[in-house]
């Protein structure tokens, strides 16, 4: 069957490239740029990206000016939804020990401030990491200013 009549899945390279670039990938140009066979390109475009060899996927992405990082970010956003993230976050909190993601707070007030702030942000598309909890800990427990935390983050970002 002709690939033009098959609807690509949302996690296919074809769909991801369209979503990220706004244009459909041209198999002929990809074959020319990558030196892959037409059948390899067509199969890779319509198959789930997770079932495509990394070498083939990266060559196709390079030919279409899409970075692997963009694809990873796109797939993470596809997988994540607020309800799932909320449940994951709740499972990483423990009121009896006042811990969030393994970080122990000294008071219920600081525990609840951090937990509630993060829970509210989950529904805005923010998905917490242990580092986010550590930053809140620094501000609430050690009285480190928000400005200092931000400057430390910027310094670390500049180093990398």
Protein backbone atom coordinates (compact mmCIF):
# COMPACT_ATOMS: atom_id res chain seq x y z
CA UNK A 1 0.00 0.00 0.00
CA UNK A 2 1.22 3.50 -0.81
CA UNK A 3 2.49 5.39 2.27
CA UNK A 4 0.63 8.54 1.17
CA UNK A 5 -2.66 6.87 2.13
CA UNK A 6 -1.50 5.74 5.58
CA UNK A 7 -2.17 8.17 8.41
CA UNK A 8 1.07 8.53 10.39
CA UNK A 9 0.86 8.05 14.16
CA UNK A 10 1.46 11.05 16.40
CA UNK A 11 4.84 9.64 17.46
CA UNK A 12 6.10 9.01 13.93
CA UNK A 13 9.00 11.04 12.55
CA UNK A 14 6.64 12.35 9.88
CA UNK A 15 4.16 13.75 12.44
CA UNK A 16 6.91 15.10 14.68
CA UNK A 17 8.64 16.88 11.80
CA UNK A 18 5.33 18.39 10.62
CA UNK A 19 4.52 19.50 14.16
CA UNK A 20 7.93 21.08 14.77
CA UNK A 21 8.57 22.64 11.35
CA UNK A 22 5.08 23.24 10.01
CA UNK A 23 5.90 21.49 6.73
CA UNK A 24 5.76 17.93 5.47
CA UNK A 25 9.07 16.11 5.06
CA UNK A 26 10.07 15.47 1.45
CA UNK A 27 11.27 11.85 1.18
CA UNK A 28 13.17 12.52 -2.07
CA UNK A 29 15.20 15.31 -0.47
CA UNK A 30 15.80 13.21 2.63
CA UNK A 31 17.05 10.29 0.51
CA UNK A 32 19.36 12.67 -1.34
CA UNK A 33 20.70 14.30 1.88
CA UNK A 34 21.07 11.14 3.95
CA UNK A 35 22.08 8.60 1.27
CA UNK A 36 19.55 6.22 2.87
CA UNK A 37 17.37 4.07 0.64
CA UNK A 38 13.89 5.33 -0.20
CA UNK A 39 12.29 2.36 1.57
CA UNK A 40 14.33 3.01 4.73
CA UNK A 41 13.29 6.68 4.73
CA UNK A 42 9.62 5.88 4.09
CA UNK A 43 9.53 3.20 6.76
CA UNK A 44 11.26 5.46 9.27
CA UNK A 45 8.94 8.39 8.57
CA UNK A 46 5.76 6.42 9.23
CA UNK A 47 6.92 4.08 11.99
CA UNK A 48 6.88 5.07 15.66
CA UNK A 49 10.08 7.00 16.35
CA UNK A 50 10.82 4.59 19.21
CA UNK A 51 10.97 1.72 16.74
CA UNK A 52 13.36 3.47 14.35
CA UNK A 53 17.11 3.03 14.63
CA UNK A 54 18.79 5.99 16.28
CA UNK A 55 21.20 6.41 13.36
CA UNK A 56 18.42 6.52 10.78
CA UNK A 57 16.27 8.85 12.91
CA UNK A 58 19.12 11.31 13.55
CA UNK A 59 20.09 11.38 9.88
CA UNK A 60 16.50 12.13 8.87
CA UNK A 61 16.18 14.79 11.57
CA UNK A 62 19.43 16.43 10.47
CA UNK A 63 18.21 16.48 6.85
CA UNK A 64 15.02 18.22 7.97
CA UNK A 65 16.78 20.68 10.31
CA UNK A 66 15.17 19.27 13.44
CA UNK A 67 17.34 18.59 16.49
CA UNK A 68 17.09 15.47 18.62
CA UNK A 69 16.56 17.75 21.64
CA UNK A 70 13.47 19.26 19.98
CA UNK A 71 12.07 15.78 19.38
CA UNK A 72 12.71 14.70 22.97
CA UNK A 73 11.03 17.83 24.31
CA UNK A 74 8.09 17.31 21.94
CA UNK A 75 7.65 13.68 23.01
CA UNK A 76 7.90 14.56 26.70
CA UNK A 77 5.14 17.13 26.29
CA UNK A 78 3.00 14.58 24.44
CA UNK A 79 3.38 12.09 27.28
CA UNK A 80 2.88 14.50 30.13
CA UNK A 81 -0.47 15.66 31.31
CA UNK A 82 -1.36 17.48 34.54
CA UNK A 83 -3.34 14.63 36.13
CA UNK A 84 -0.53 12.14 35.62
CA UNK A 85 2.10 14.61 36.83
CA UNK A 86 -0.02 15.48 39.88
CA UNK A 87 -0.26 11.80 40.85
CA UNK A 88 3.48 11.30 40.33
CA UNK A 89 4.20 14.34 42.48
CA UNK A 90 1.77 13.31 45.25
CA UNK A 91 3.42 9.89 45.34
CA UNK A 92 6.74 11.62 46.01
CA UNK A 93 5.43 13.54 49.02
CA UNK A 94 5.12 12.25 52.58
CA UNK A 95 3.43 14.34 55.23
CA UNK A 96 4.50 12.01 58.05
CA UNK A 97 8.18 12.75 57.35
CA UNK A 98 7.62 16.20 55.75
CA UNK A 99 9.50 15.11 52.63
CA UNK A 100 8.99 16.03 49.01
CA UNK A 101 11.03 14.11 46.45
CA UNK A 102 13.33 13.00 49.26
CA UNK A 103 13.93 16.51 50.62
CA UNK A 104 12.86 16.93 54.24
CA UNK A 105 11.35 20.17 55.46
CA UNK A 106 11.53 21.23 59.11
CA UNK A 107 7.97 22.49 59.45
CA UNK A 108 4.55 21.57 58.13
CA UNK A 109 4.16 25.17 57.00
CA UNK A 110 7.21 25.00 54.69
CA UNK A 111 6.19 21.54 53.49
CA UNK A 112 2.68 22.75 52.58
CA UNK A 113 3.91 25.99 51.00
CA UNK A 114 6.20 24.07 48.69
CA UNK A 115 3.73 21.29 47.96
CA UNK A 116 0.84 23.66 47.23
CA UNK A 117 2.92 25.99 45.06
CA UNK A 118 4.16 23.09 42.96
CA UNK A 119 0.69 21.50 42.73
CA UNK A 120 -0.79 24.77 41.47
CA UNK A 121 1.96 25.10 38.86
CA UNK A 122 1.48 21.56 37.53
CA UNK A 123 -1.80 22.66 35.98
CA UNK A 124 0.02 25.52 34.26
CA UNK A 125 2.27 23.04 32.44
CA UNK A 126 5.16 23.11 34.94
CA UNK A 127 6.46 19.67 35.81
CA UNK A 128 8.56 19.67 38.97
CA UNK A 129 11.99 18.22 39.41
CA UNK A 130 13.92 17.50 42.58
CA UNK A 131 15.94 20.61 41.81
CA UNK A 132 12.77 22.74 41.99
CA UNK A 133 12.04 21.34 45.45
CA UNK A 134 15.66 21.99 46.48
CA UNK A 135 15.31 25.62 45.38
CA UNK A 136 12.17 26.04 47.46
CA UNK A 137 13.97 24.38 50.37
CA UNK A 138 16.85 26.85 50.06
CA UNK A 139 14.47 29.82 50.14
CA UNK A 140 12.20 28.59 52.95
CA UNK A 141 14.54 26.61 55.17
CA UNK A 142 17.87 28.35 54.78
CA UNK A 143 16.50 31.84 54.10
CA UNK A 144 18.44 32.12 50.87
CA UNK A 145 17.05 34.98 48.80
CA UNK A 146 15.23 34.25 45.56
CA UNK A 147 17.74 36.51 43.83
CA UNK A 148 20.65 34.37 45.06
CA UNK A 149 18.96 31.15 43.90
CA UNK A 150 18.33 32.67 40.46
CA UNK A 151 21.89 33.99 40.18
CA UNK A 152 23.27 30.56 41.15
CA UNK A 153 21.12 28.95 38.46
CA UNK A 154 22.29 31.46 35.87
CA UNK A 155 25.93 30.90 36.82
CA UNK A 156 25.50 27.14 36.49
CA UNK A 157 23.72 27.56 33.15
CA UNK A 158 26.53 29.75 31.82
CA UNK A 159 29.14 27.15 32.85
CA UNK A 160 27.36 24.47 30.85
